[in-house]
N, C-alpha and C. Protein backbone atom coordinates (compact mmCIF):
# COMPACT_ATOMS: atom_id res chain seq x y z
N MET A 1 -8.79 40.51 28.32
CA MET A 1 -8.84 41.13 27.02
C MET A 1 -8.24 40.17 26.00
N ASP A 2 -8.89 40.05 24.88
CA ASP A 2 -8.40 39.25 23.76
C ASP A 2 -7.00 39.76 23.37
N LEU A 3 -6.06 38.85 23.21
CA LEU A 3 -4.68 39.21 22.90
C LEU A 3 -4.59 40.04 21.61
N ARG A 4 -5.38 39.68 20.61
CA ARG A 4 -5.31 40.42 19.35
C ARG A 4 -5.80 41.86 19.55
N ILE A 5 -6.83 42.06 20.37
CA ILE A 5 -7.31 43.41 20.67
C ILE A 5 -6.22 44.19 21.39
N TYR A 6 -5.60 43.56 22.37
CA TYR A 6 -4.52 44.20 23.11
C TYR A 6 -3.40 44.63 22.15
N ARG A 7 -3.05 43.74 21.25
CA ARG A 7 -1.98 44.04 20.30
C ARG A 7 -2.38 45.16 19.34
N LEU A 8 -3.63 45.17 18.91
CA LEU A 8 -4.08 46.23 18.01
C LEU A 8 -3.95 47.60 18.66
N ILE A 9 -4.22 47.67 19.96
CA ILE A 9 -4.18 48.94 20.68
C ILE A 9 -2.75 49.31 21.08
N ASN A 10 -1.95 48.33 21.48
CA ASN A 10 -0.69 48.62 22.14
C ASN A 10 0.58 48.34 21.35
N ASP A 11 0.54 47.45 20.38
CA ASP A 11 1.78 47.13 19.66
C ASP A 11 2.09 48.21 18.62
N ASN A 12 3.34 48.35 18.35
CA ASN A 12 3.80 49.35 17.40
C ASN A 12 3.84 48.75 15.99
N PHE A 13 2.68 48.38 15.49
CA PHE A 13 2.58 47.78 14.17
C PHE A 13 2.77 48.82 13.07
N THR A 14 3.30 48.36 11.95
CA THR A 14 3.22 49.18 10.74
C THR A 14 1.75 49.20 10.32
N TYR A 15 1.43 50.06 9.38
CA TYR A 15 0.06 50.10 8.89
C TYR A 15 -0.36 48.76 8.31
N ASP A 16 0.48 48.15 7.49
CA ASP A 16 0.14 46.86 6.88
C ASP A 16 -0.04 45.76 7.93
N GLU A 17 0.79 45.76 8.96
CA GLU A 17 0.66 44.77 10.03
C GLU A 17 -0.63 44.99 10.81
N PHE A 18 -0.95 46.24 11.09
CA PHE A 18 -2.19 46.57 11.79
C PHE A 18 -3.40 46.10 10.99
N ARG A 19 -3.39 46.42 9.71
CA ARG A 19 -4.48 46.02 8.81
C ARG A 19 -4.63 44.50 8.79
N SER A 20 -3.52 43.79 8.73
CA SER A 20 -3.53 42.33 8.72
C SER A 20 -4.08 41.77 10.03
N GLU A 21 -3.63 42.31 11.14
CA GLU A 21 -4.12 41.85 12.45
C GLU A 21 -5.63 42.06 12.56
N LEU A 22 -6.09 43.21 12.12
CA LEU A 22 -7.53 43.50 12.22
C LEU A 22 -8.33 42.57 11.32
N THR A 23 -7.88 42.33 10.11
CA THR A 23 -8.64 41.44 9.23
C THR A 23 -8.64 40.01 9.77
N HIS A 24 -7.54 39.57 10.36
CA HIS A 24 -7.53 38.25 11.00
C HIS A 24 -8.52 38.20 12.16
N TYR A 25 -8.57 39.27 12.93
CA TYR A 25 -9.53 39.34 14.04
C TYR A 25 -10.96 39.24 13.50
N LEU A 26 -11.26 39.99 12.45
CA LEU A 26 -12.61 39.97 11.89
C LEU A 26 -12.98 38.59 11.35
N LYS A 27 -12.02 37.88 10.78
CA LYS A 27 -12.29 36.55 10.25
C LYS A 27 -12.66 35.57 11.37
N ARG A 28 -12.06 35.74 12.52
CA ARG A 28 -12.23 34.78 13.62
C ARG A 28 -13.32 35.16 14.62
N ASN A 29 -13.84 36.37 14.51
CA ASN A 29 -14.82 36.85 15.47
C ASN A 29 -15.99 37.46 14.73
N THR A 30 -17.07 37.66 15.43
CA THR A 30 -18.24 38.26 14.81
C THR A 30 -18.11 39.78 14.78
N VAL A 31 -18.91 40.41 13.94
CA VAL A 31 -18.96 41.86 13.90
C VAL A 31 -19.41 42.38 15.26
N LYS A 32 -20.33 41.67 15.87
CA LYS A 32 -20.81 42.06 17.21
C LYS A 32 -19.64 42.08 18.20
N ASP A 33 -18.77 41.07 18.16
CA ASP A 33 -17.59 41.06 19.03
C ASP A 33 -16.68 42.25 18.73
N PHE A 34 -16.49 42.52 17.46
CA PHE A 34 -15.65 43.66 17.06
C PHE A 34 -16.19 44.96 17.64
N VAL A 35 -17.48 45.21 17.45
CA VAL A 35 -18.09 46.45 17.92
C VAL A 35 -18.04 46.51 19.45
N HIS A 36 -18.35 45.40 20.09
CA HIS A 36 -18.30 45.34 21.56
C HIS A 36 -16.91 45.73 22.06
N ASN A 37 -15.87 45.14 21.48
CA ASN A 37 -14.50 45.43 21.91
C ASN A 37 -14.05 46.83 21.53
N LEU A 38 -14.54 47.31 20.41
CA LEU A 38 -14.23 48.68 19.99
C LEU A 38 -14.67 49.67 21.06
N PHE A 39 -15.89 49.46 21.59
CA PHE A 39 -16.41 50.33 22.64
C PHE A 39 -15.76 50.03 24.00
N ARG A 40 -15.74 48.77 24.35
CA ARG A 40 -15.27 48.36 25.68
C ARG A 40 -13.83 48.80 25.96
N PHE A 41 -12.98 48.67 24.96
CA PHE A 41 -11.57 48.99 25.16
C PHE A 41 -11.19 50.34 24.54
N ARG A 42 -12.23 51.11 24.14
CA ARG A 42 -12.02 52.46 23.62
C ARG A 42 -10.90 52.46 22.58
N MET A 43 -11.00 51.54 21.66
CA MET A 43 -9.91 51.33 20.70
C MET A 43 -9.60 52.58 19.87
N ILE A 44 -10.61 53.21 19.34
CA ILE A 44 -10.38 54.41 18.52
C ILE A 44 -9.80 55.52 19.38
N GLU A 45 -10.37 55.74 20.54
CA GLU A 45 -9.90 56.79 21.43
C GLU A 45 -8.45 56.54 21.87
N ASN A 46 -8.15 55.29 22.21
CA ASN A 46 -6.79 54.97 22.65
C ASN A 46 -5.77 55.20 21.54
N LEU A 47 -6.10 54.77 20.34
CA LEU A 47 -5.18 54.99 19.22
C LEU A 47 -5.03 56.48 18.93
N TRP A 48 -6.12 57.22 19.04
CA TRP A 48 -6.06 58.66 18.80
C TRP A 48 -5.15 59.33 19.83
N GLU A 49 -5.30 58.95 21.10
CA GLU A 49 -4.47 59.52 22.16
C GLU A 49 -2.99 59.18 21.96
N GLN A 50 -2.72 58.05 21.33
CA GLN A 50 -1.34 57.65 21.02
C GLN A 50 -0.83 58.31 19.73
N LYS A 51 -1.66 59.17 19.16
CA LYS A 51 -1.36 59.84 17.89
C LYS A 51 -1.21 58.86 16.72
N GLU A 52 -1.89 57.74 16.83
CA GLU A 52 -1.94 56.74 15.75
C GLU A 52 -3.20 57.02 14.92
N TYR A 53 -3.21 58.19 14.30
CA TYR A 53 -4.42 58.67 13.62
C TYR A 53 -4.85 57.77 12.47
N ALA A 54 -3.91 57.29 11.69
CA ALA A 54 -4.26 56.43 10.55
C ALA A 54 -4.95 55.16 11.02
N LYS A 55 -4.44 54.57 12.09
CA LYS A 55 -5.02 53.34 12.61
C LYS A 55 -6.40 53.61 13.22
N ALA A 56 -6.54 54.73 13.92
CA ALA A 56 -7.85 55.10 14.49
C ALA A 56 -8.87 55.31 13.38
N LEU A 57 -8.48 56.01 12.33
CA LEU A 57 -9.40 56.27 11.22
C LEU A 57 -9.70 55.00 10.43
N TYR A 58 -8.74 54.08 10.37
CA TYR A 58 -9.00 52.79 9.73
C TYR A 58 -10.07 52.03 10.52
N LEU A 59 -9.92 51.98 11.84
CA LEU A 59 -10.93 51.32 12.68
C LEU A 59 -12.29 51.99 12.53
N LEU A 60 -12.30 53.30 12.52
CA LEU A 60 -13.56 54.03 12.35
C LEU A 60 -14.20 53.68 11.01
N SER A 61 -13.40 53.57 9.97
CA SER A 61 -13.93 53.22 8.65
C SER A 61 -14.52 51.81 8.64
N VAL A 62 -13.85 50.87 9.28
CA VAL A 62 -14.39 49.51 9.37
C VAL A 62 -15.70 49.53 10.14
N PHE A 63 -15.73 50.25 11.24
CA PHE A 63 -16.95 50.37 12.04
C PHE A 63 -18.08 50.99 11.21
N ASP A 64 -17.79 52.06 10.50
CA ASP A 64 -18.82 52.71 9.68
C ASP A 64 -19.31 51.79 8.57
N TYR A 65 -18.39 51.05 7.96
CA TYR A 65 -18.81 50.13 6.91
C TYR A 65 -19.70 49.02 7.48
N CYS A 66 -19.31 48.45 8.60
CA CYS A 66 -20.14 47.42 9.26
C CYS A 66 -21.52 47.97 9.58
N SER A 67 -21.56 49.20 10.07
CA SER A 67 -22.84 49.83 10.42
C SER A 67 -23.73 49.97 9.20
N CYS A 68 -23.15 50.33 8.07
CA CYS A 68 -23.93 50.45 6.83
C CYS A 68 -24.43 49.09 6.35
N VAL A 69 -23.55 48.10 6.38
CA VAL A 69 -23.91 46.76 5.91
C VAL A 69 -25.05 46.20 6.75
N TYR A 70 -24.99 46.41 8.05
CA TYR A 70 -26.01 45.87 8.95
C TYR A 70 -27.13 46.86 9.25
N LYS A 71 -27.10 48.00 8.54
CA LYS A 71 -28.17 49.01 8.63
C LYS A 71 -28.43 49.47 10.06
N VAL A 72 -27.34 49.87 10.73
CA VAL A 72 -27.42 50.39 12.09
C VAL A 72 -27.00 51.85 12.04
N ASN A 73 -27.84 52.73 12.53
CA ASN A 73 -27.53 54.16 12.51
C ASN A 73 -26.54 54.46 13.64
N THR A 74 -25.34 54.84 13.24
CA THR A 74 -24.29 55.17 14.22
C THR A 74 -23.76 56.58 14.00
N SER A 75 -24.55 57.42 13.38
CA SER A 75 -24.07 58.74 12.99
C SER A 75 -23.65 59.61 14.18
N GLU A 76 -24.21 59.36 15.34
CA GLU A 76 -23.85 60.15 16.52
C GLU A 76 -22.60 59.62 17.22
N LEU A 77 -22.22 58.39 16.93
CA LEU A 77 -21.05 57.80 17.56
C LEU A 77 -19.79 58.21 16.82
N TYR A 78 -18.80 58.61 17.52
CA TYR A 78 -17.49 58.97 16.95
C TYR A 78 -17.54 60.13 15.99
N LYS A 79 -18.58 60.94 16.06
CA LYS A 79 -18.68 62.03 15.07
C LYS A 79 -17.55 63.04 15.20
N GLU A 80 -16.94 63.12 16.38
CA GLU A 80 -15.81 64.06 16.52
C GLU A 80 -14.59 63.62 15.72
N TYR A 81 -14.52 62.34 15.33
CA TYR A 81 -13.40 61.83 14.54
C TYR A 81 -13.69 61.81 13.05
N ARG A 82 -14.96 61.79 12.69
CA ARG A 82 -15.34 61.65 11.29
C ARG A 82 -14.90 62.83 10.43
N LYS A 83 -14.66 63.96 11.03
CA LYS A 83 -14.27 65.15 10.27
C LYS A 83 -12.81 65.11 9.81
N TYR A 84 -12.03 64.18 10.33
CA TYR A 84 -10.60 64.15 10.03
C TYR A 84 -10.29 63.32 8.78
N LYS A 85 -9.27 63.80 8.09
CA LYS A 85 -8.80 63.14 6.88
C LYS A 85 -7.27 63.20 6.91
N LEU A 86 -6.62 62.11 6.58
CA LEU A 86 -5.17 62.09 6.55
C LEU A 86 -4.65 63.05 5.49
N ASP A 87 -3.48 63.63 5.74
CA ASP A 87 -2.90 64.60 4.81
C ASP A 87 -2.54 63.97 3.47
N SER A 88 -2.07 62.74 3.50
CA SER A 88 -1.72 62.07 2.25
C SER A 88 -2.42 60.72 2.19
N LEU A 89 -2.58 60.23 0.98
CA LEU A 89 -3.27 58.97 0.75
C LEU A 89 -2.52 57.81 1.41
N LEU A 90 -3.24 57.03 2.18
CA LEU A 90 -2.67 55.84 2.82
C LEU A 90 -3.25 54.62 2.12
N LYS A 91 -2.36 53.70 1.75
CA LYS A 91 -2.84 52.50 1.07
C LYS A 91 -1.96 51.32 1.48
N PRO A 92 -2.54 50.12 1.45
CA PRO A 92 -1.75 48.93 1.74
C PRO A 92 -0.63 48.77 0.71
N SER A 93 0.46 48.16 1.12
CA SER A 93 1.62 48.04 0.22
C SER A 93 1.32 47.21 -1.02
N PHE A 94 0.31 46.33 -0.97
CA PHE A 94 0.02 45.50 -2.14
C PHE A 94 -0.70 46.27 -3.25
N ILE A 95 -1.23 47.44 -2.95
CA ILE A 95 -1.86 48.27 -3.98
C ILE A 95 -0.78 49.17 -4.56
N LYS A 96 -0.44 48.92 -5.82
CA LYS A 96 0.71 49.58 -6.45
C LYS A 96 0.34 50.77 -7.32
N THR A 97 -0.93 51.07 -7.44
CA THR A 97 -1.34 52.14 -8.35
C THR A 97 -2.37 53.05 -7.68
N ASP A 98 -2.45 54.27 -8.17
CA ASP A 98 -3.50 55.19 -7.73
C ASP A 98 -4.63 55.23 -8.76
N ASN A 99 -4.46 54.47 -9.85
CA ASN A 99 -5.45 54.43 -10.92
C ASN A 99 -6.52 53.40 -10.54
N ILE A 100 -7.58 53.86 -9.92
CA ILE A 100 -8.62 52.98 -9.38
C ILE A 100 -9.78 52.89 -10.37
N PRO A 101 -10.21 51.68 -10.70
CA PRO A 101 -11.35 51.52 -11.61
C PRO A 101 -12.62 52.17 -11.06
N GLN A 102 -13.45 52.69 -11.94
CA GLN A 102 -14.68 53.36 -11.53
C GLN A 102 -15.57 52.44 -10.70
N LYS A 103 -15.63 51.16 -11.06
CA LYS A 103 -16.46 50.21 -10.32
C LYS A 103 -16.08 50.19 -8.84
N GLN A 104 -14.79 50.23 -8.57
CA GLN A 104 -14.34 50.25 -7.17
C GLN A 104 -14.68 51.58 -6.51
N LYS A 105 -14.53 52.69 -7.25
CA LYS A 105 -14.84 54.01 -6.69
C LYS A 105 -16.31 54.13 -6.31
N ASP A 106 -17.16 53.37 -6.98
CA ASP A 106 -18.59 53.39 -6.68
C ASP A 106 -18.95 52.52 -5.47
N ASP A 107 -18.01 51.73 -5.01
CA ASP A 107 -18.23 50.81 -3.89
C ASP A 107 -18.31 51.59 -2.57
N LEU A 108 -19.26 51.22 -1.74
CA LEU A 108 -19.46 51.89 -0.45
C LEU A 108 -18.22 51.80 0.44
N LEU A 109 -17.57 50.65 0.47
CA LEU A 109 -16.37 50.49 1.28
C LEU A 109 -15.31 51.51 0.86
N TYR A 110 -15.08 51.61 -0.43
CA TYR A 110 -14.10 52.56 -0.97
C TYR A 110 -14.46 53.98 -0.52
N GLN A 111 -15.70 54.36 -0.65
CA GLN A 111 -16.13 55.71 -0.33
C GLN A 111 -15.96 56.03 1.16
N ILE A 112 -16.28 55.08 2.01
CA ILE A 112 -16.14 55.30 3.46
C ILE A 112 -14.67 55.49 3.81
N PHE A 113 -13.81 54.60 3.34
CA PHE A 113 -12.39 54.72 3.66
C PHE A 113 -11.79 55.99 3.05
N MET A 114 -12.17 56.32 1.82
CA MET A 114 -11.60 57.50 1.17
C MET A 114 -12.05 58.79 1.85
N SER A 115 -13.13 58.76 2.60
CA SER A 115 -13.52 59.96 3.34
C SER A 115 -12.45 60.36 4.36
N HIS A 116 -11.54 59.42 4.66
CA HIS A 116 -10.41 59.69 5.57
C HIS A 116 -9.07 59.63 4.82
N ASN A 117 -9.14 59.56 3.49
CA ASN A 117 -7.96 59.48 2.63
C ASN A 117 -7.20 58.16 2.81
N ILE A 118 -7.97 57.10 2.99
CA ILE A 118 -7.41 55.75 3.10
C ILE A 118 -7.95 54.94 1.92
N LEU A 119 -7.04 54.37 1.16
CA LEU A 119 -7.43 53.54 0.03
C LEU A 119 -7.52 52.09 0.52
N GLU A 120 -8.69 51.51 0.42
CA GLU A 120 -8.90 50.14 0.89
C GLU A 120 -9.74 49.41 -0.14
N TYR A 121 -9.48 48.14 -0.28
CA TYR A 121 -10.23 47.32 -1.23
C TYR A 121 -10.42 45.93 -0.65
N TRP A 122 -11.66 45.49 -0.57
CA TRP A 122 -11.98 44.11 -0.22
C TRP A 122 -12.82 43.56 -1.36
N THR A 123 -12.50 42.35 -1.80
CA THR A 123 -13.33 41.70 -2.80
C THR A 123 -14.68 41.34 -2.17
N GLN A 124 -15.63 40.95 -3.00
CA GLN A 124 -16.93 40.53 -2.47
C GLN A 124 -16.75 39.33 -1.53
N ASP A 125 -15.89 38.40 -1.89
CA ASP A 125 -15.64 37.24 -1.03
C ASP A 125 -15.01 37.65 0.29
N GLU A 126 -14.09 38.59 0.26
CA GLU A 126 -13.49 39.08 1.50
C GLU A 126 -14.53 39.77 2.38
N LYS A 127 -15.41 40.53 1.77
CA LYS A 127 -16.46 41.19 2.55
C LYS A 127 -17.33 40.15 3.25
N LYS A 128 -17.70 39.11 2.53
CA LYS A 128 -18.51 38.05 3.12
C LYS A 128 -17.77 37.35 4.25
N GLU A 129 -16.50 37.07 4.02
CA GLU A 129 -15.70 36.37 5.04
C GLU A 129 -15.44 37.25 6.27
N LEU A 130 -15.08 38.49 6.05
CA LEU A 130 -14.74 39.37 7.17
C LEU A 130 -15.96 39.79 7.98
N LEU A 131 -17.08 39.96 7.31
CA LEU A 131 -18.28 40.44 8.00
C LEU A 131 -19.29 39.32 8.24
N HIS A 132 -18.93 38.10 7.88
CA HIS A 132 -19.76 36.92 8.12
C HIS A 132 -21.14 37.08 7.49
N ILE A 133 -21.12 37.49 6.21
CA ILE A 133 -22.35 37.67 5.46
C ILE A 133 -22.60 36.40 4.65
N ASN A 134 -23.78 35.86 4.77
CA ASN A 134 -24.12 34.65 4.00
C ASN A 134 -24.78 35.06 2.70
N GLY A 135 -24.50 34.30 1.65
CA GLY A 135 -25.17 34.52 0.37
C GLY A 135 -24.57 35.57 -0.47
């Protein structure tokens, strides 16, 4: 098992550390590798069983966003988790405001994460880098 995958599932990271580890993993690996490991190591299920709901929903949001970007229908996968939403807004520590510009609210990434009450923002360059999108 990739050490970073092991750490994502088993280490007691803060939310910001978890988010950082996952984005580093995405930068160094393909989306295909991410999805393969998500299934193979039951990452969402394992985090859910550990009561790490925010981290499980973050992974689910990344998976759903990747699925939309690559136009893969995954609506039947993980549907038992999609109904959940965190009780309070979760956001990375670098986001200091709840006043979100409309342009960001219209972004698909924002909408997917907010369906679980997670505030996330990736620039266009970050999206290209993390998801290995050319052009």
